[in-house]
């Protein structure tokens, strides 16, 4: 496993495949390239790239040698079984968990998106999770389209934010390797931990397979393989190391958490109070991380919280998202 001192160097590493492509597009006289990169089918961009960047592009379109499609199938079946509570965990556990990392959360704050349109960001995150947890997308190759879009978006944000005078190099690169590894664990290990906290049964095989799916997604998003844990134990150790290094109170983390709580309150048409939402988040995060985010709680009995399916109420607000996703709102 990587030691704490080695983790520090990963704060200054971005994505060696995607970053050069973004820099080429940003500096090109052909301004359509950025449009291709961020807003259109990225395949339109390929013919405009020099050969050496086309090779990097091709590497982004390959599965790692260690992919196990049997585990991918188990993981996608697992998602189908627990889709709604997984979405709830993403909104109430994974996102605020990421906000606790004081240096990493600065990118979200600088980018403005989560402050200005938190609900839209929640929908986009949910849609990405949906897309990478459908087995057909792994077979027909669409998985590359979904991951590459996010990978280029991250590279573009990295390119823009690190050039701002207000960005401090002591924070590391925006969306660096350590932060990407921590975020990936928030989508895998932290979700699994949350499901167990609300007393859902998750077998070892399901947990191991779900971690594997997100490991492959992490690889396709450009995470260094040395930061991809092969086992649940390794994942837990890496998560602990990153949390010990990065989880401290910050204005940005507390501001985004407050904004998230208010957004969830509004999205449930105010049927679920801010107090209930804060208690739910506090229960999932625990005392220490909740303190980092200034989340207060009255220690409601956990089973009372289980009756509030906040995720279901939030994501039902947008019927278009569920047009072909009935499994997510089935009882």
Protein backbone atom coordinates (compact mmCIF):
# COMPACT_ATOMS: atom_id res chain seq x y z
CA UNK A 1 0.00 0.00 0.00
CA UNK A 2 1.09 3.59 -0.65
CA UNK A 3 2.39 5.42 2.41
CA UNK A 4 1.32 8.94 3.44
CA UNK A 5 4.52 10.57 2.21
CA UNK A 6 4.06 8.94 -1.18
CA UNK A 7 0.46 10.11 -1.39
CA UNK A 8 1.66 13.71 -1.28
CA UNK A 9 3.38 13.44 -4.66
CA UNK A 10 0.12 12.32 -6.25
CA UNK A 11 -1.38 15.73 -5.43
CA UNK A 12 0.81 17.15 -8.17
CA UNK A 13 -0.07 14.59 -10.85
CA UNK A 14 -3.03 14.97 -13.20
CA UNK A 15 -3.91 12.74 -16.17
CA UNK A 16 -1.07 11.97 -18.57
CA UNK A 17 -3.47 10.82 -21.28
CA UNK A 18 -6.24 13.44 -21.16
CA UNK A 19 -4.31 16.54 -20.11
CA UNK A 20 -2.20 16.82 -23.31
CA UNK A 21 -5.34 16.44 -25.45
CA UNK A 22 -7.10 19.25 -23.57
CA UNK A 23 -4.06 21.51 -23.74
CA UNK A 24 -3.81 20.95 -27.50
CA UNK A 25 -7.49 21.83 -27.96
CA UNK A 26 -7.26 24.88 -25.70
CA UNK A 27 -4.30 26.30 -27.63
CA UNK A 28 -5.57 25.38 -31.09
CA UNK A 29 -6.67 28.11 -33.49
CA UNK A 30 -9.64 25.85 -34.28
CA UNK A 31 -12.02 26.87 -31.48
CA UNK A 32 -14.45 24.11 -32.47
CA UNK A 33 -12.13 21.59 -30.80
CA UNK A 34 -13.13 22.69 -27.31
CA UNK A 35 -16.79 22.37 -28.32
CA UNK A 36 -16.12 18.83 -29.56
CA UNK A 37 -14.29 18.09 -26.33
CA UNK A 38 -16.89 19.30 -23.85
CA UNK A 39 -20.29 19.50 -25.51
CA UNK A 40 -20.43 17.12 -28.48
CA UNK A 41 -19.51 13.56 -29.36
CA UNK A 42 -15.80 13.49 -28.59
CA UNK A 43 -15.21 11.10 -31.50
CA UNK A 44 -15.53 14.19 -33.73
CA UNK A 45 -12.30 15.39 -32.22
CA UNK A 46 -10.11 12.41 -33.07
CA UNK A 47 -9.27 13.32 -36.68
CA UNK A 48 -8.08 16.78 -35.58
CA UNK A 49 -5.45 15.41 -33.19
CA UNK A 50 -1.79 14.78 -34.04
CA UNK A 51 -0.69 11.13 -34.13
CA UNK A 52 0.86 11.11 -30.66
CA UNK A 53 -2.39 12.38 -29.13
CA UNK A 54 -4.45 9.91 -31.14
CA UNK A 55 -2.42 7.17 -29.46
CA UNK A 56 -3.27 8.60 -26.05
CA UNK A 57 -6.92 8.70 -27.13
CA UNK A 58 -6.79 5.04 -28.09
CA UNK A 59 -5.36 4.11 -24.67
CA UNK A 60 -8.41 5.74 -23.07
CA UNK A 61 -10.61 3.36 -25.11
CA UNK A 62 -9.16 0.16 -23.62
CA UNK A 63 -10.15 -1.90 -20.62
CA UNK A 64 -7.39 -2.75 -18.15
CA UNK A 65 -5.98 -6.27 -18.47
CA UNK A 66 -7.29 -7.16 -15.01
CA UNK A 67 -11.00 -6.51 -15.72
CA UNK A 68 -13.26 -9.36 -14.58
CA UNK A 69 -16.55 -9.32 -16.49
CA UNK A 70 -18.11 -11.81 -14.11
CA UNK A 71 -17.62 -9.31 -11.30
CA UNK A 72 -18.94 -6.52 -13.50
CA UNK A 73 -22.13 -8.55 -14.05
CA UNK A 74 -22.51 -9.23 -10.33
CA UNK A 75 -21.96 -5.53 -9.61
CA UNK A 76 -24.53 -4.35 -12.15
CA UNK A 77 -27.07 -6.85 -10.82
CA UNK A 78 -26.30 -5.57 -7.32
CA UNK A 79 -26.98 -2.01 -8.47
CA UNK A 80 -30.30 -3.09 -9.99
CA UNK A 81 -31.29 -4.57 -6.64
CA UNK A 82 -30.31 -1.56 -4.56
CA UNK A 83 -30.44 1.32 -7.06
CA UNK A 84 -32.58 3.65 -4.99
CA UNK A 85 -30.71 3.34 -1.67
CA UNK A 86 -27.43 3.63 -3.59
CA UNK A 87 -28.64 6.94 -5.02
CA UNK A 88 -29.62 8.00 -1.51
CA UNK A 89 -26.13 7.15 -0.23
CA UNK A 90 -24.54 9.17 -3.04
CA UNK A 91 -26.48 12.29 -2.07
CA UNK A 92 -26.41 11.96 1.71
CA UNK A 93 -23.07 10.22 2.29
CA UNK A 94 -20.67 10.24 -0.68
CA UNK A 95 -21.02 13.92 -1.60
CA UNK A 96 -20.66 15.38 1.91
CA UNK A 97 -17.87 12.88 2.54
CA UNK A 98 -15.98 14.44 -0.40
CA UNK A 99 -16.65 17.95 0.96
CA UNK A 100 -14.67 17.08 4.09
CA UNK A 101 -11.40 17.04 2.11
CA UNK A 102 -10.38 20.68 2.58
CA UNK A 103 -7.97 20.92 -0.38
CA UNK A 104 -9.96 18.83 -2.84
CA UNK A 105 -13.25 20.62 -2.19
CA UNK A 106 -11.70 23.92 -3.28
CA UNK A 107 -11.99 22.78 -6.91
CA UNK A 108 -15.75 22.34 -6.54
CA UNK A 109 -15.98 25.73 -4.88
CA UNK A 110 -13.87 27.45 -7.53
CA UNK A 111 -15.83 25.87 -10.37
CA UNK A 112 -19.06 27.44 -8.99
CA UNK A 113 -21.23 24.62 -10.33
CA UNK A 114 -22.18 23.01 -7.04
CA UNK A 115 -22.93 26.35 -5.45
CA UNK A 116 -25.01 27.68 -8.31
CA UNK A 117 -26.90 24.56 -9.41
CA UNK A 118 -26.53 21.78 -6.87
CA UNK A 119 -29.63 19.87 -7.94
CA UNK A 120 -28.55 19.74 -11.58
CA UNK A 121 -25.17 18.44 -10.46
CA UNK A 122 -26.92 15.75 -8.41
CA UNK A 123 -28.90 14.65 -11.45
CA UNK A 124 -25.78 14.57 -13.62
CA UNK A 125 -23.94 12.50 -11.04
CA UNK A 126 -26.88 10.12 -10.75
CA UNK A 127 -27.04 9.73 -14.52
CA UNK A 128 -23.32 8.95 -14.71
CA UNK A 129 -23.69 6.32 -11.97
CA UNK A 130 -26.67 4.84 -13.83
CA UNK A 131 -24.73 4.70 -17.11
CA UNK A 132 -21.70 2.92 -15.69
CA UNK A 133 -23.79 0.39 -13.78
CA UNK A 134 -25.68 -1.00 -16.78
CA UNK A 135 -24.11 -4.24 -18.00
CA UNK A 136 -25.08 -3.63 -21.63
CA UNK A 137 -22.89 -0.52 -21.66
CA UNK A 138 -19.88 -2.63 -20.73
CA UNK A 139 -20.58 -5.04 -23.58
CA UNK A 140 -21.41 -2.58 -26.36
CA UNK A 141 -18.55 -0.21 -25.53
CA UNK A 142 -20.71 2.76 -24.52
CA UNK A 143 -18.90 2.78 -21.18
CA UNK A 144 -15.97 4.51 -22.89
CA UNK A 145 -18.22 7.34 -24.08
CA UNK A 146 -19.44 8.01 -20.54
CA UNK A 147 -16.06 7.83 -18.84
CA UNK A 148 -14.21 9.77 -21.53
CA UNK A 149 -16.68 12.66 -21.28
CA UNK A 150 -16.03 12.98 -17.55
CA UNK A 151 -12.29 12.47 -18.03
CA UNK A 152 -12.03 15.34 -20.50
CA UNK A 153 -14.23 17.53 -18.30
CA UNK A 154 -11.86 16.93 -15.38
CA UNK A 155 -8.87 17.72 -17.56
CA UNK A 156 -10.50 20.94 -18.79
CA UNK A 157 -11.27 22.04 -15.21
CA UNK A 158 -7.69 21.21 -14.24
CA UNK A 159 -6.37 23.24 -17.19
CA UNK A 160 -8.51 26.29 -16.37
CA UNK A 161 -8.37 26.41 -12.57
CA UNK A 162 -4.64 25.86 -12.12
CA UNK A 163 -4.09 28.98 -14.26
CA UNK A 164 -6.12 31.19 -11.93
CA UNK A 165 -3.97 33.57 -9.84
CA UNK A 166 -6.00 32.63 -6.77
CA UNK A 167 -5.16 28.91 -7.04
CA UNK A 168 -2.35 27.97 -4.64
CA UNK A 169 0.10 25.32 -5.77
CA UNK A 170 0.34 24.11 -2.16
CA UNK A 171 -3.14 22.65 -2.66
CA UNK A 172 -1.83 20.44 -5.45
CA UNK A 173 -3.24 20.24 -8.97
CA UNK A 174 -7.01 20.61 -9.29
CA UNK A 175 -8.59 17.15 -9.52
CA UNK A 176 -5.27 15.45 -8.82
CA UNK A 177 -4.61 11.75 -8.42
CA UNK A 178 -5.13 11.62 -4.66
CA UNK A 179 -8.42 13.50 -4.90
CA UNK A 180 -9.63 11.30 -7.76
CA UNK A 181 -8.76 8.18 -5.77
CA UNK A 182 -10.66 9.50 -2.75
CA UNK A 183 -13.69 10.38 -4.87
CA UNK A 184 -13.71 6.95 -6.46
CA UNK A 185 -13.74 5.38 -3.00
CA UNK A 186 -16.69 7.61 -2.14
CA UNK A 187 -18.62 6.03 -5.02
CA UNK A 188 -17.67 2.48 -4.06
CA UNK A 189 -16.47 1.79 -0.52
CA UNK A 190 -18.43 4.61 1.12
CA UNK A 191 -21.65 3.60 -0.67
CA UNK A 192 -21.19 0.01 0.52
CA UNK A 193 -20.54 1.24 4.05
CA UNK A 194 -23.69 3.35 3.90
CA UNK A 195 -25.89 0.50 2.72
CA UNK A 196 -24.77 -1.55 5.71
CA UNK A 197 -25.41 1.38 8.03
CA UNK A 198 -29.04 1.37 6.95
CA UNK A 199 -29.05 -2.39 7.56
CA UNK A 200 -29.24 -3.65 3.99
CA UNK A 201 -27.67 -7.03 3.39
CA UNK A 202 -24.59 -6.89 1.17
CA UNK A 203 -22.67 -10.11 0.59
CA UNK A 204 -18.89 -10.19 0.40
CA UNK A 205 -19.13 -11.19 -3.27
CA UNK A 206 -21.43 -8.25 -4.03
CA UNK A 207 -19.20 -5.81 -2.17
CA UNK A 208 -16.03 -7.10 -3.80
CA UNK A 209 -17.65 -6.97 -7.25
CA UNK A 210 -19.02 -3.45 -6.75
CA UNK A 211 -15.58 -2.28 -5.71
CA UNK A 212 -14.15 -3.95 -8.81
CA UNK A 213 -16.61 -2.17 -11.10
CA UNK A 214 -15.59 1.20 -9.67
CA UNK A 215 -11.93 0.23 -9.86
CA UNK A 216 -12.34 -0.24 -13.60
CA UNK A 217 -14.30 3.01 -13.87
CA UNK A 218 -11.48 4.70 -11.96
CA UNK A 219 -8.96 3.27 -14.40
CA UNK A 220 -11.01 4.58 -17.34
CA UNK A 221 -11.16 8.00 -15.64
CA UNK A 222 -7.37 8.13 -15.48
CA UNK A 223 -6.57 7.09 -11.90
CA UNK A 224 -3.09 5.66 -11.47
CA UNK A 225 -3.28 1.90 -10.87
CA UNK A 226 -1.14 2.30 -7.76
CA UNK A 227 -4.07 4.19 -6.24
CA UNK A 228 -6.64 1.54 -7.14
CA UNK A 229 -7.12 -0.91 -4.23
CA UNK A 230 -7.54 -4.53 -5.24
CA UNK A 231 -9.38 -5.66 -2.11
CA UNK A 232 -11.93 -4.24 0.30
CA UNK A 233 -9.28 -4.21 3.03
CA UNK A 234 -6.90 -2.23 0.84
CA UNK A 235 -9.73 0.14 -0.05
CA UNK A 236 -10.47 0.75 3.62
CA UNK A 237 -6.80 1.40 4.40
CA UNK A 238 -6.42 3.84 1.50
CA UNK A 239 -9.63 5.65 2.46
CA UNK A 240 -8.34 6.00 6.02
CA UNK A 241 -4.99 7.40 4.87
CA UNK A 242 -6.59 9.96 2.59
CA UNK A 243 -9.08 11.01 5.28
CA UNK A 244 -6.31 11.42 7.85
CA UNK A 245 -4.38 13.63 5.44
CA UNK A 246 -7.20 15.72 4.01
CA UNK A 247 -10.22 15.89 6.33
CA UNK A 248 -10.08 19.22 8.16
CA UNK A 249 -12.68 21.97 8.51
CA UNK A 250 -12.89 24.43 5.62
CA UNK A 251 -15.17 27.28 4.65
CA UNK A 252 -15.67 25.71 1.22
CA UNK A 253 -16.65 22.28 2.57
CA UNK A 254 -19.09 23.70 5.11
CA UNK A 255 -20.62 26.08 2.55
CA UNK A 256 -21.21 23.33 0.00
CA UNK A 257 -22.63 21.02 2.67
CA UNK A 258 -25.10 23.68 3.77
CA UNK A 259 -26.04 24.26 0.14
CA UNK A 260 -26.54 20.49 -0.36
CA UNK A 261 -28.80 20.22 2.69
CA UNK A 262 -30.92 23.18 1.56
CA UNK A 263 -31.12 21.79 -1.98
CA UNK A 264 -32.33 18.40 -0.74
CA UNK A 265 -34.88 20.16 1.46
CA UNK A 266 -36.20 22.12 -1.53
CA UNK A 267 -36.08 19.10 -3.85
CA UNK A 268 -38.31 17.12 -1.51
CA UNK A 269 -40.77 20.04 -1.77
CA UNK A 270 -39.92 20.78 1.88
CA UNK A 271 -41.66 17.58 2.96
CA UNK A 272 -38.47 16.54 4.76
CA UNK A 273 -37.07 19.10 7.14
CA UNK A 274 -33.51 20.39 7.19
CA UNK A 275 -33.20 18.90 10.66
CA UNK A 276 -34.05 15.40 9.41
CA UNK A 277 -31.62 15.69 6.48
CA UNK A 278 -28.81 16.87 8.77
CA UNK A 279 -29.50 14.02 11.19
CA UNK A 280 -29.40 11.52 8.35
CA UNK A 281 -26.08 12.88 7.03
CA UNK A 282 -24.65 12.97 10.57
CA UNK A 283 -25.63 9.36 11.18
CA UNK A 284 -23.93 8.22 7.97
CA UNK A 285 -20.77 10.33 8.34
CA UNK A 286 -20.28 9.82 12.06
CA UNK A 287 -19.27 12.39 14.67
CA UNK A 288 -15.76 13.21 13.44
CA UNK A 289 -16.52 13.93 9.77
CA UNK A 290 -19.79 15.66 10.68
CA UNK A 291 -17.81 17.97 12.95
CA UNK A 292 -15.52 18.84 10.03
CA UNK A 293 -18.59 19.90 8.03
CA UNK A 294 -20.36 21.55 10.98
CA UNK A 295 -23.30 19.16 10.72
CA UNK A 296 -25.31 19.11 13.94
CA UNK A 297 -27.57 16.26 15.04
CA UNK A 298 -30.17 15.48 17.68
CA UNK A 299 -29.32 11.79 17.52
CA UNK A 300 -32.58 10.54 16.13
CA UNK A 301 -32.87 6.79 16.39
CA UNK A 302 -31.48 5.34 13.10
CA UNK A 303 -34.58 3.33 12.22
CA UNK A 304 -36.57 6.57 12.16
CA UNK A 305 -34.20 7.92 9.54
CA UNK A 306 -34.57 4.82 7.36
CA UNK A 307 -38.22 5.67 6.80
CA UNK A 308 -37.21 8.84 4.96
CA UNK A 309 -36.31 7.81 1.42
CA UNK A 310 -34.84 11.17 0.56
CA UNK A 311 -33.09 9.92 -2.54
CA UNK A 312 -36.31 8.60 -4.01
CA UNK A 313 -38.10 11.88 -3.42
CA UNK A 314 -35.25 13.93 -4.86
CA UNK A 315 -34.76 11.97 -8.05
CA UNK A 316 -38.49 11.64 -8.71
CA UNK A 317 -38.62 15.42 -9.06
CA UNK A 318 -37.12 15.10 -12.54
CA UNK A 319 -39.37 12.75 -14.56
CA UNK A 320 -37.12 12.95 -17.63
CA UNK A 321 -34.32 11.26 -15.73
CA UNK A 322 -36.58 8.30 -15.05
CA UNK A 323 -38.17 8.07 -18.47
CA UNK A 324 -36.33 4.80 -19.18
CA UNK A 325 -35.16 4.08 -15.65
CA UNK A 326 -38.25 2.68 -13.94
CA UNK A 327 -36.14 0.37 -11.78
CA UNK A 328 -34.94 3.37 -9.77
CA UNK A 329 -38.42 4.35 -8.65
CA UNK A 330 -39.99 0.94 -8.24
CA UNK A 331 -41.16 0.01 -4.78
